[in-house]
PDB file of N, CA and C in Angstrom:
ATOM      1  N   MET A   1     -45.327 -25.551  -6.306  1.00  0.00           N
ATOM      2  CA  MET A   1     -44.992 -24.121  -6.079  1.00  0.00           C
ATOM      3  C   MET A   1     -45.280 -23.366  -7.373  1.00  0.00           C
ATOM      4  N   SER A   2     -45.897 -22.129  -7.203  1.00  0.00           N
ATOM      5  CA  SER A   2     -46.382 -21.388  -8.358  1.00  0.00           C
ATOM      6  C   SER A   2     -45.214 -20.790  -8.925  1.00  0.00           C
ATOM      7  N   GLY A   3     -45.429 -20.258 -10.267  1.00  0.00           N
ATOM      8  CA  GLY A   3     -44.264 -19.489 -10.813  1.00  0.00           C
ATOM      9  C   GLY A   3     -43.993 -18.401 -10.073  1.00  0.00           C
ATOM     10  N   VAL A   4     -44.880 -17.525  -9.656  1.00  0.00           N
ATOM     11  CA  VAL A   4     -44.608 -16.279  -8.881  1.00  0.00           C
ATOM     12  C   VAL A   4     -43.735 -16.625  -7.767  1.00  0.00           C
ATOM     13  N   ALA A   5     -44.173 -17.665  -6.822  1.00  0.00           N
ATOM     14  CA  ALA A   5     -43.512 -17.968  -5.711  1.00  0.00           C
ATOM     15  C   ALA A   5     -42.148 -18.468  -6.054  1.00  0.00           C
ATOM     16  N   TYR A   6     -41.842 -19.302  -7.141  1.00  0.00           N
ATOM     17  CA  TYR A   6     -40.600 -19.558  -7.450  1.00  0.00           C
ATOM     18  C   TYR A   6     -39.764 -18.473  -7.988  1.00  0.00           C
ATOM     19  N   GLY A   7     -40.419 -17.441  -8.659  1.00  0.00           N
ATOM     20  CA  GLY A   7     -39.554 -16.392  -8.985  1.00  0.00           C
ATOM     21  C   GLY A   7     -39.180 -15.453  -7.916  1.00  0.00           C
ATOM     22  N   VAL A   8     -40.019 -15.534  -6.781  1.00  0.00           N
ATOM     23  CA  VAL A   8     -39.582 -14.678  -5.732  1.00  0.00           C
ATOM     24  C   VAL A   8     -38.626 -15.446  -4.917  1.00  0.00           C
ATOM     25  N   MET A   9     -38.699 -16.798  -4.784  1.00  0.00           N
ATOM     26  CA  MET A   9     -37.679 -17.600  -4.202  1.00  0.00           C
ATOM     27  C   MET A   9     -36.306 -17.192  -4.890  1.00  0.00           C
ATOM     28  N   CYS A  10     -36.257 -17.261  -6.308  1.00  0.00           N
ATOM     29  CA  CYS A  10     -35.036 -17.136  -7.039  1.00  0.00           C
ATOM     30  C   CYS A  10     -34.562 -15.788  -6.886  1.00  0.00           C
ATOM     31  N   LEU A  11     -35.229 -14.785  -6.853  1.00  0.00           N
ATOM     32  CA  LEU A  11     -34.921 -13.324  -6.809  1.00  0.00           C
ATOM     33  C   LEU A  11     -34.294 -13.230  -5.496  1.00  0.00           C
ATOM     34  N   GLY A  12     -34.936 -13.752  -4.270  1.00  0.00           N
ATOM     35  CA  GLY A  12     -34.402 -13.600  -2.917  1.00  0.00           C
ATOM     36  C   GLY A  12     -32.960 -14.306  -2.911  1.00  0.00           C
ATOM     37  N   THR A  13     -32.907 -15.482  -3.560  1.00  0.00           N
ATOM     38  CA  THR A  13     -31.557 -16.122  -3.543  1.00  0.00           C
ATOM     39  C   THR A  13     -30.534 -15.308  -4.250  1.00  0.00           C
ATOM     40  N   PHE A  14     -30.800 -14.785  -5.471  1.00  0.00           N
ATOM     41  CA  PHE A  14     -29.892 -13.919  -6.045  1.00  0.00           C
ATOM     42  C   PHE A  14     -29.671 -12.797  -5.387  1.00  0.00           C
ATOM     43  N   CYS A  15     -30.534 -12.020  -4.716  1.00  0.00           N
ATOM     44  CA  CYS A  15     -30.263 -10.931  -3.850  1.00  0.00           C
ATOM     45  C   CYS A  15     -29.230 -11.300  -2.823  1.00  0.00           C
ATOM     46  N   GLY A  16     -29.447 -12.545  -2.009  1.00  0.00           N
ATOM     47  CA  GLY A  16     -28.575 -12.939  -1.003  1.00  0.00           C
ATOM     48  C   GLY A  16     -27.163 -13.167  -1.609  1.00  0.00           C
ATOM     49  N   VAL A  17     -27.044 -13.773  -2.509  1.00  0.00           N
ATOM     50  CA  VAL A  17     -25.702 -14.147  -3.238  1.00  0.00           C
ATOM     51  C   VAL A  17     -25.056 -12.757  -3.592  1.00  0.00           C
ATOM     52  N   PHE A  18     -25.799 -11.801  -4.431  1.00  0.00           N
ATOM     53  CA  PHE A  18     -25.221 -10.752  -4.780  1.00  0.00           C
ATOM     54  C   PHE A  18     -24.833  -9.711  -3.656  1.00  0.00           C
ATOM     55  N   CYS A  19     -25.603  -9.601  -2.519  1.00  0.00           N
ATOM     56  CA  CYS A  19     -25.121  -8.938  -1.460  1.00  0.00           C
ATOM     57  C   CYS A  19     -23.877  -9.535  -0.634  1.00  0.00           C
ATOM     58  N   GLY A  20     -23.876 -10.890  -0.767  1.00  0.00           N
ATOM     59  CA  GLY A  20     -22.679 -11.509  -0.118  1.00  0.00           C
ATOM     60  C   GLY A  20     -21.557 -11.257  -0.763  1.00  0.00           C
ATOM     61  N   VAL A  21     -21.630 -11.158  -2.124  1.00  0.00           N
ATOM     62  CA  VAL A  21     -20.438 -10.837  -3.092  1.00  0.00           C
ATOM     63  C   VAL A  21     -19.945  -9.405  -2.964  1.00  0.00           C
ATOM     64  N   VAL A  22     -21.000  -8.419  -2.875  1.00  0.00           N
ATOM     65  CA  VAL A  22     -20.684  -7.127  -2.612  1.00  0.00           C
ATOM     66  C   VAL A  22     -20.057  -6.918  -1.285  1.00  0.00           C
ATOM     67  N   GLY A  23     -20.418  -7.464  -0.242  1.00  0.00           N
ATOM     68  CA  GLY A  23     -19.760  -7.569   1.050  1.00  0.00           C
ATOM     69  C   GLY A  23     -18.309  -7.927   0.994  1.00  0.00           C
ATOM     70  N   THR A  24     -18.255  -8.964   0.401  1.00  0.00           N
ATOM     71  CA  THR A  24     -16.859  -9.737   0.358  1.00  0.00           C
ATOM     72  C   THR A  24     -15.973  -8.631  -0.505  1.00  0.00           C
ATOM     73  N   LEU A  25     -16.454  -8.029  -1.706  1.00  0.00           N
ATOM     74  CA  LEU A  25     -15.466  -7.442  -2.380  1.00  0.00           C
ATOM     75  C   LEU A  25     -15.227  -5.855  -1.574  1.00  0.00           C
ATOM     76  N   SER A  26     -16.236  -5.563  -0.621  1.00  0.00           N
ATOM     77  CA  SER A  26     -15.973  -4.363   0.198  1.00  0.00           C
ATOM     78  C   SER A  26     -14.985  -4.491   1.170  1.00  0.00           C
ATOM     79  N   ILE A  27     -14.921  -5.783   1.705  1.00  0.00           N
ATOM     80  CA  ILE A  27     -13.932  -6.313   2.787  1.00  0.00           C
ATOM     81  C   ILE A  27     -12.560  -6.279   2.132  1.00  0.00           C
ATOM     82  N   ILE A  28     -12.453  -7.011   0.881  1.00  0.00           N
ATOM     83  CA  ILE A  28     -11.178  -7.238   0.089  1.00  0.00           C
ATOM     84  C   ILE A  28     -10.740  -5.673  -0.174  1.00  0.00           C
ATOM     85  N   GLY A  29     -11.645  -4.816  -0.629  1.00  0.00           N
ATOM     86  CA  GLY A  29     -11.104  -3.396  -0.984  1.00  0.00           C
ATOM     87  C   GLY A  29     -10.517  -2.792   0.400  1.00  0.00           C
ATOM     88  N   LYS A  30     -11.112  -2.971   1.576  1.00  0.00           N
ATOM     89  CA  LYS A  30     -10.567  -2.446   2.670  1.00  0.00           C
ATOM     90  C   LYS A  30      -9.232  -2.850   3.096  1.00  0.00           C
ATOM     91  N   GLN A  31      -9.168  -4.279   2.820  1.00  0.00           N
ATOM     92  CA  GLN A  31      -7.821  -4.960   3.064  1.00  0.00           C
ATOM     93  C   GLN A  31      -6.716  -4.381   2.129  1.00  0.00           C
ATOM     94  N   MET A  32      -7.250  -4.121   0.805  1.00  0.00           N
ATOM     95  CA  MET A  32      -6.012  -3.639   0.025  1.00  0.00           C
ATOM     96  C   MET A  32      -5.771  -2.402   0.302  1.00  0.00           C
ATOM     97  N   GLU A  33      -6.529  -1.400   0.804  1.00  0.00           N
ATOM     98  CA  GLU A  33      -6.228  -0.193   1.358  1.00  0.00           C
ATOM     99  C   GLU A  33      -5.152  -0.243   2.245  1.00  0.00           C
ATOM    100  N   SER A  34      -5.265  -1.080   3.295  1.00  0.00           N
ATOM    101  CA  SER A  34      -4.425  -1.130   4.324  1.00  0.00           C
ATOM    102  C   SER A  34      -3.006  -1.726   3.888  1.00  0.00           C
ATOM    103  N   LEU A  35      -3.009  -2.408   2.670  1.00  0.00           N
ATOM    104  CA  LEU A  35      -1.709  -2.872   2.189  1.00  0.00           C
ATOM    105  C   LEU A  35      -0.944  -1.871   1.562  1.00  0.00           C
ATOM    106  N   MET A  36      -1.673  -0.746   0.990  1.00  0.00           N
ATOM    107  CA  MET A  36      -0.991   0.483   0.264  1.00  0.00           C
ATOM    108  C   MET A  36      -0.001   1.043   1.306  1.00  0.00           C
ATOM    109  N   PRO A  37       1.198   1.194   0.703  1.00  0.00           N
ATOM    110  CA  PRO A  37       2.255   1.819   1.638  1.00  0.00           C
ATOM    111  C   PRO A  37       1.703   3.501   1.926  1.00  0.00           C
ATOM    112  N   SER A  38       2.207   3.865   3.157  1.00  0.00           N
ATOM    113  CA  SER A  38       1.735   5.150   3.706  1.00  0.00           C
ATOM    114  C   SER A  38       2.585   6.255   2.675  1.00  0.00           C
ATOM    115  N   GLU A  39       2.099   7.444   2.816  1.00  0.00           N
ATOM    116  CA  GLU A  39       2.676   8.510   2.296  1.00  0.00           C
ATOM    117  C   GLU A  39       4.126   8.748   2.653  1.00  0.00           C
ATOM    118  N   ASN A  40       4.348   8.479   4.012  1.00  0.00           N
ATOM    119  CA  ASN A  40       5.778   8.646   4.647  1.00  0.00           C
ATOM    120  C   ASN A  40       6.747   7.709   4.143  1.00  0.00           C
ATOM    121  N   PHE A  41       6.098   6.432   3.884  1.00  0.00           N
ATOM    122  CA  PHE A  41       6.874   5.183   3.395  1.00  0.00           C
ATOM    123  C   PHE A  41       7.559   5.499   2.101  1.00  0.00           C
ATOM    124  N   LEU A  42       6.521   5.996   1.228  1.00  0.00           N
ATOM    125  CA  LEU A  42       7.092   6.291  -0.128  1.00  0.00           C
ATOM    126  C   LEU A  42       7.981   7.449  -0.242  1.00  0.00           C
ATOM    127  N   GLU A  43       7.769   8.572   0.641  1.00  0.00           N
ATOM    128  CA  GLU A  43       8.698   9.662   0.680  1.00  0.00           C
ATOM    129  C   GLU A  43      10.078   9.120   1.229  1.00  0.00           C
ATOM    130  N   ASP A  44      10.109   8.157   2.270  1.00  0.00           N
ATOM    131  CA  ASP A  44      11.422   7.549   2.665  1.00  0.00           C
ATOM    132  C   ASP A  44      12.117   6.816   1.498  1.00  0.00           C
ATOM    133  N   LEU A  45      11.385   6.016   0.724  1.00  0.00           N
ATOM    134  CA  LEU A  45      11.873   5.219  -0.345  1.00  0.00           C
ATOM    135  C   LEU A  45      12.525   6.204  -1.454  1.00  0.00           C
ATOM    136  N   VAL A  46      11.965   7.524  -1.627  1.00  0.00           N
ATOM    137  CA  VAL A  46      12.378   8.576  -2.461  1.00  0.00           C
ATOM    138  C   VAL A  46      13.773   9.006  -1.803  1.00  0.00           C
ATOM    139  N   LYS A  47      13.752   9.324  -0.553  1.00  0.00           N
ATOM    140  CA  LYS A  47      14.969   9.863  -0.014  1.00  0.00           C
ATOM    141  C   LYS A  47      16.058   8.731  -0.077  1.00  0.00           C
ATOM    142  N   LEU A  48      15.775   7.409   0.212  1.00  0.00           N
ATOM    143  CA  LEU A  48      16.700   6.402   0.364  1.00  0.00           C
ATOM    144  C   LEU A  48      17.402   6.336  -1.181  1.00  0.00           C
ATOM    145  N   THR A  49      16.637   6.492  -2.303  1.00  0.00           N
ATOM    146  CA  THR A  49      17.400   6.228  -3.498  1.00  0.00           C
ATOM    147  C   THR A  49      18.043   7.467  -3.861  1.00  0.00           C
ATOM    148  N   GLY A  50      18.016   8.672  -3.163  1.00  0.00           N
ATOM    149  CA  GLY A  50      18.645   9.805  -3.800  1.00  0.00           C
ATOM    150  C   GLY A  50      19.860  10.378  -3.236  1.00  0.00           C
ATOM    151  N   PHE A  51      20.557   9.419  -2.512  1.00  0.00           N
ATOM    152  CA  PHE A  51      21.876   9.568  -2.105  1.00  0.00           C
ATOM    153  C   PHE A  51      23.108   9.448  -2.980  1.00  0.00           C
ATOM    154  N   ASN A  52      24.119  10.563  -3.096  1.00  0.00           N
ATOM    155  CA  ASN A  52      25.278  10.364  -3.793  1.00  0.00           C
ATOM    156  C   ASN A  52      26.247   9.754  -3.093  1.00  0.00           C
ATOM    157  N   ARG A  53      27.324   9.227  -3.727  1.00  0.00           N
ATOM    158  CA  ARG A  53      28.526   8.779  -2.944  1.00  0.00           C
ATOM    159  C   ARG A  53      28.784   9.608  -1.512  1.00  0.00           C
ATOM    160  N   GLU A  54      29.081  10.900  -1.855  1.00  0.00           N
ATOM    161  CA  GLU A  54      29.540  11.744  -0.620  1.00  0.00           C
ATOM    162  C   GLU A  54      28.655  11.752   0.514  1.00  0.00           C
ATOM    163  N   ASP A  55      27.269  11.745   0.121  1.00  0.00           N
ATOM    164  CA  ASP A  55      26.368  11.657   1.323  1.00  0.00           C
ATOM    165  C   ASP A  55      26.485  10.495   1.995  1.00  0.00           C
ATOM    166  N   LEU A  56      27.053   9.365   1.592  1.00  0.00           N
ATOM    167  CA  LEU A  56      27.299   8.115   2.445  1.00  0.00           C
ATOM    168  C   LEU A  56      28.624   8.200   3.002  1.00  0.00           C
ATOM    169  N   VAL A  57      29.591   8.878   2.522  1.00  0.00           N
ATOM    170  CA  VAL A  57      30.973   8.985   2.904  1.00  0.00           C
ATOM    171  C   VAL A  57      31.040   9.842   4.146  1.00  0.00           C
ATOM    172  N   LYS A  58      30.378  11.161   3.986  1.00  0.00           N
ATOM    173  CA  LYS A  58      30.415  12.113   4.914  1.00  0.00           C
ATOM    174  C   LYS A  58      29.941  11.753   6.236  1.00  0.00           C
ATOM    175  N   PRO A  59      28.985  11.059   6.567  1.00  0.00           N
ATOM    176  CA  PRO A  59      28.481  10.591   7.945  1.00  0.00           C
ATOM    177  C   PRO A  59      29.207   9.256   8.381  1.00  0.00           C
ATOM    178  N   GLY A  60      30.135   8.657   7.565  1.00  0.00           N
ATOM    179  CA  GLY A  60      30.697   7.573   7.807  1.00  0.00           C
ATOM    180  C   GLY A  60      30.010   6.192   7.634  1.00  0.00           C
ATOM    181  N   ILE A  61      28.944   6.294   6.812  1.00  0.00           N
ATOM    182  CA  ILE A  61      28.243   4.847   6.442  1.00  0.00           C
ATOM    183  C   ILE A  61      29.112   4.052   5.344  1.00  0.00           C
ATOM    184  N   ILE A  62      29.886   4.897   4.419  1.00  0.00           N
ATOM    185  CA  ILE A  62      30.697   3.912   3.720  1.00  0.00           C
ATOM    186  C   ILE A  62      32.007   4.658   3.708  1.00  0.00           C
ATOM    187  N   GLU A  63      33.138   4.004   3.386  1.00  0.00           N
ATOM    188  CA  GLU A  63      34.487   4.502   3.285  1.00  0.00           C
ATOM    189  C   GLU A  63      34.642   5.061   1.875  1.00  0.00           C
ATOM    190  N   ALA A  64      35.344   6.188   1.692  1.00  0.00           N
ATOM    191  CA  ALA A  64      35.591   6.782   0.410  1.00  0.00           C
ATOM    192  C   ALA A  64      35.991   5.862  -0.688  1.00  0.00           C
ATOM    193  N   HIS A  65      37.024   5.087  -0.284  1.00  0.00           N
ATOM    194  CA  HIS A  65      37.571   4.097  -1.297  1.00  0.00           C
ATOM    195  C   HIS A  65      36.812   2.932  -1.468  1.00  0.00           C
ATOM    196  N   ASP A  66      35.613   2.647  -0.799  1.00  0.00           N
ATOM    197  CA  ASP A  66      34.897   1.299  -0.971  1.00  0.00           C
ATOM    198  C   ASP A  66      33.928   1.232  -2.006  1.00  0.00           C
ATOM    199  N   ALA A  67      34.608   0.790  -3.238  1.00  0.00           N
ATOM    200  CA  ALA A  67      33.747   0.792  -4.284  1.00  0.00           C
ATOM    201  C   ALA A  67      32.751  -0.315  -4.289  1.00  0.00           C
ATOM    202  N   VAL A  68      32.960  -1.391  -3.555  1.00  0.00           N
ATOM    203  CA  VAL A  68      31.868  -2.576  -3.369  1.00  0.00           C
ATOM    204  C   VAL A  68      30.570  -2.092  -2.605  1.00  0.00           C
ATOM    205  N   ALA A  69      30.833  -1.269  -1.572  1.00  0.00           N
ATOM    206  CA  ALA A  69      29.893  -0.756  -0.840  1.00  0.00           C
ATOM    207  C   ALA A  69      28.954   0.216  -1.648  1.00  0.00           C
ATOM    208  N   TRP A  70      29.688   0.985  -2.276  1.00  0.00           N
ATOM    209  CA  TRP A  70      28.860   2.098  -3.092  1.00  0.00           C
ATOM    210  C   TRP A  70      27.977   1.385  -4.206  1.00  0.00           C
ATOM    211  N   GLU A  71      28.743   0.215  -4.912  1.00  0.00           N
ATOM    212  CA  GLU A  71      27.875  -0.638  -5.817  1.00  0.00           C
ATOM    213  C   GLU A  71      26.614  -1.175  -5.175  1.00  0.00           C
ATOM    214  N   GLN A  72      26.881  -1.862  -4.068  1.00  0.00           N
ATOM    215  CA  GLN A  72      25.748  -2.555  -3.310  1.00  0.00           C
ATOM    216  C   GLN A  72      24.697  -1.393  -3.149  1.00  0.00           C
ATOM    217  N   TYR A  73      25.058  -0.144  -2.842  1.00  0.00           N
ATOM    218  CA  TYR A  73      23.925   0.983  -2.368  1.00  0.00           C
ATOM    219  C   TYR A  73      23.203   1.116  -3.794  1.00  0.00           C
ATOM    220  N   CYS A  74      23.920   1.385  -4.773  1.00  0.00           N
ATOM    221  CA  CYS A  74      23.488   1.629  -6.088  1.00  0.00           C
ATOM    222  C   CYS A  74      22.569   0.363  -6.659  1.00  0.00           C
ATOM    223  N   GLU A  75      22.914  -0.750  -6.288  1.00  0.00           N
ATOM    224  CA  GLU A  75      22.082  -1.805  -6.984  1.00  0.00           C
ATOM    225  C   GLU A  75      20.712  -1.937  -6.266  1.00  0.00           C
ATOM    226  N   SER A  76      20.784  -1.762  -4.936  1.00  0.00           N
ATOM    227  CA  SER A  76      19.655  -2.084  -4.067  1.00  0.00           C
ATOM    228  C   SER A  76      19.776  -1.305  -2.800  1.00  0.00           C
ATOM    229  N   PRO A  77      19.309   0.086  -2.715  1.00  0.00           N
ATOM    230  CA  PRO A  77      19.427   0.772  -1.408  1.00  0.00           C
ATOM    231  C   PRO A  77      18.798   0.253  -0.393  1.00  0.00           C
ATOM    232  N   ALA A  78      17.639  -0.496  -0.426  1.00  0.00           N
ATOM    233  CA  ALA A  78      16.810  -1.006   0.639  1.00  0.00           C
ATOM    234  C   ALA A  78      17.666  -2.136   1.227  1.00  0.00           C
ATOM    235  N   HIS A  79      18.255  -3.074   0.266  1.00  0.00           N
ATOM    236  CA  HIS A  79      18.958  -4.144   0.899  1.00  0.00           C
ATOM    237  C   HIS A  79      20.274  -3.688   1.415  1.00  0.00           C
ATOM    238  N   PHE A  80      20.908  -2.723   0.879  1.00  0.00           N
ATOM    239  CA  PHE A  80      22.115  -2.179   1.422  1.00  0.00           C
ATOM    240  C   PHE A  80      21.876  -1.685   2.988  1.00  0.00           C
ATOM    241  N   VAL A  81      20.919  -0.988   3.236  1.00  0.00           N
ATOM    242  CA  VAL A  81      20.537  -0.295   4.254  1.00  0.00           C
ATOM    243  C   VAL A  81      20.111  -1.565   5.334  1.00  0.00           C
ATOM    244  N   LEU A  82      19.279  -2.506   4.878  1.00  0.00           N
ATOM    245  CA  LEU A  82      18.975  -3.592   5.819  1.00  0.00           C
ATOM    246  C   LEU A  82      20.286  -4.487   6.319  1.00  0.00           C
ATOM    247  N   ASN A  83      21.346  -4.488   5.325  1.00  0.00           N
ATOM    248  CA  ASN A  83      22.544  -5.248   5.807  1.00  0.00           C
ATOM    249  C   ASN A  83      23.456  -4.414   6.532  1.00  0.00           C
ATOM    250  N   LEU A  84      23.297  -3.200   6.873  1.00  0.00           N
ATOM    251  CA  LEU A  84      24.226  -2.346   7.567  1.00  0.00           C
ATOM    252  C   LEU A  84      24.478  -2.759   8.926  1.00  0.00           C
ATOM    253  N   PRO A  85      25.640  -2.793   9.398  1.00  0.00           N
ATOM    254  CA  PRO A  85      25.550  -2.875  11.025  1.00  0.00           C
ATOM    255  C   PRO A  85      24.766  -1.951  11.840  1.00  0.00           C
ATOM    256  N   ASP A  86      24.322  -2.196  12.846  1.00  0.00           N
ATOM    257  CA  ASP A  86      23.497  -1.183  13.619  1.00  0.00           C
ATOM    258  C   ASP A  86      23.747   0.158  13.621  1.00  0.00           C
ATOM    259  N   GLY A  87      25.111   0.539  14.122  1.00  0.00           N
ATOM    260  CA  GLY A  87      25.525   1.816  14.202  1.00  0.00           C
ATOM    261  C   GLY A  87      25.505   2.560  12.842  1.00  0.00           C
ATOM    262  N   LYS A  88      25.833   1.921  11.706  1.00  0.00           N
ATOM    263  CA  LYS A  88      25.800   2.571  10.462  1.00  0.00           C
ATOM    264  C   LYS A  88      24.411   2.684  10.169  1.00  0.00           C
ATOM    265  N   ARG A  89      23.574   1.765  10.253  1.00  0.00           N
ATOM    266  CA  ARG A  89      22.128   1.880  10.069  1.00  0.00           C
ATOM    267  C   ARG A  89      21.541   3.214  10.756  1.00  0.00           C
ATOM    268  N   GLU A  90      21.871   3.334  11.791  1.00  0.00           N
ATOM    269  CA  GLU A  90      21.359   4.473  12.569  1.00  0.00           C
ATOM    270  C   GLU A  90      21.829   5.811  12.002  1.00  0.00           C
ATOM    271  N   ARG A  91      23.268   5.791  11.443  1.00  0.00           N
ATOM    272  CA  ARG A  91      23.602   6.985  10.818  1.00  0.00           C
ATOM    273  C   ARG A  91      22.954   7.228   9.579  1.00  0.00           C
ATOM    274  N   MET A  92      22.571   6.155   8.794  1.00  0.00           N
ATOM    275  CA  MET A  92      21.621   6.329   7.630  1.00  0.00           C
ATOM    276  C   MET A  92      20.434   6.711   7.675  1.00  0.00           C
ATOM    277  N   MET A  93      19.749   6.252   8.806  1.00  0.00           N
ATOM    278  CA  MET A  93      18.403   6.767   9.082  1.00  0.00           C
ATOM    279  C   MET A  93      18.509   8.334   9.580  1.00  0.00           C
ATOM    280  N   LYS A  94      19.468   8.680  10.253  1.00  0.00           N
ATOM    281  CA  LYS A  94      19.602  10.106  10.575  1.00  0.00           C
ATOM    282  C   LYS A  94      19.820  11.059   9.333  1.00  0.00           C
ATOM    283  N   ALA A  95      20.514  10.465   8.476  1.00  0.00           N
ATOM    284  CA  ALA A  95      20.818  11.217   7.037  1.00  0.00           C
ATOM    285  C   ALA A  95      19.437  11.160   6.386  1.00  0.00           C
ATOM    286  N   MET A  96      18.864  10.118   6.304  1.00  0.00           N
ATOM    287  CA  MET A  96      17.534  10.316   5.708  1.00  0.00           C
ATOM    288  C   MET A  96      16.547  11.374   6.405  1.00  0.00           C
ATOM    289  N   ASP A  97      16.607  11.291   7.744  1.00  0.00           N
ATOM    290  CA  ASP A  97      15.813  12.354   8.343  1.00  0.00           C
ATOM    291  C   ASP A  97      16.223  13.879   8.013  1.00  0.00           C
ATOM    292  N   LEU A  98      17.418  13.982   7.666  1.00  0.00           N
ATOM    293  CA  LEU A  98      17.977  15.458   7.450  1.00  0.00           C
ATOM    294  C   LEU A  98      17.490  15.774   5.995  1.00  0.00           C
ATOM    295  N   ARG A  99      17.076  14.850   5.116  1.00  0.00           N
ATOM    296  CA  ARG A  99      16.689  15.256   3.856  1.00  0.00           C
ATOM    297  C   ARG A  99      15.160  15.743   3.640  1.00  0.00           C
ATOM    298  N   LEU A 100      15.095  16.751   2.925  1.00  0.00           N
ATOM    299  CA  LEU A 100      13.794  17.255   2.925  1.00  0.00           C
ATOM    300  C   LEU A 100      12.802  16.220   2.121  1.00  0.00           C
ATOM    301  N   PRO A 101      11.523  16.209   2.443  1.00  0.00           N
ATOM    302  CA  PRO A 101      10.569  15.451   1.613  1.00  0.00           C
ATOM    303  C   PRO A 101      10.719  15.913   0.241  1.00  0.00           C
ATOM    304  N   PRO A 102      10.243  15.005  -0.873  1.00  0.00           N
ATOM    305  CA  PRO A 102      10.407  15.397  -2.285  1.00  0.00           C
ATOM    306  C   PRO A 102       9.350  16.574  -2.527  1.00  0.00           C
ATOM    307  N   GLY A 103       9.406  17.498  -3.051  1.00  0.00           N
ATOM    308  CA  GLY A 103       8.768  18.619  -3.380  1.00  0.00           C
ATOM    309  C   GLY A 103       8.564  19.664  -2.399  1.00  0.00           C
ATOM    310  N   LYS A 104       9.322  19.480  -1.222  1.00  0.00           N
ATOM    311  CA  LYS A 104       9.158  20.427  -0.209  1.00  0.00           C
ATOM    312  C   LYS A 104      10.604  21.455  -0.325  1.00  0.00           C
ATOM    313  N   ALA A 105      10.212  22.572  -0.339  1.00  0.00           N
ATOM    314  CA  ALA A 105      11.308  23.709  -0.385  1.00  0.00           C
ATOM    315  C   ALA A 105      11.866  23.949   0.946  1.00  0.00           C
ATOM    316  N   SER A 106      13.088  24.040   1.116  1.00  0.00           N
ATOM    317  CA  SER A 106      13.581  24.685   2.436  1.00  0.00           C
ATOM    318  C   SER A 106      12.985  26.156   2.730  1.00  0.00           C
ATOM    319  N   LYS A 107      12.653  26.407   3.950  1.00  0.00           N
ATOM    320  CA  LYS A 107      12.078  27.476   4.406  1.00  0.00           C
ATOM    321  C   LYS A 107      13.233  28.568   4.793  1.00  0.00           C
ATOM    322  N   ARG A 108      14.413  28.195   4.681  1.00  0.00           N
ATOM    323  CA  ARG A 108      15.535  29.205   5.035  1.00  0.00           C
ATOM    324  C   ARG A 108      15.630  30.175   3.926  1.00  0.00           C
TER     325      ARG A 108
END
């Protein structure tokens, strides 16, 4: 095999490998984008962490005197909600829906 032919063969192999790597990186990039939380998800997390004790007492999510439940919410709001009984979890979701998204002013 001549030096030119060998060089062309190596260049072809390099291009094939390079294109394969670029294609793989493109696929990985698209998969990573799909794993990024949506804007609504991030807004919901902000809403979830913004409740004060009265916000949870008023709709009956926790009792006014229940220091343990309040502490559990403060330590991990997401785990707190996941561990709520269905009826209270529904009330929590409604309370979150009533909150304005961060940075949005009321139009009243």
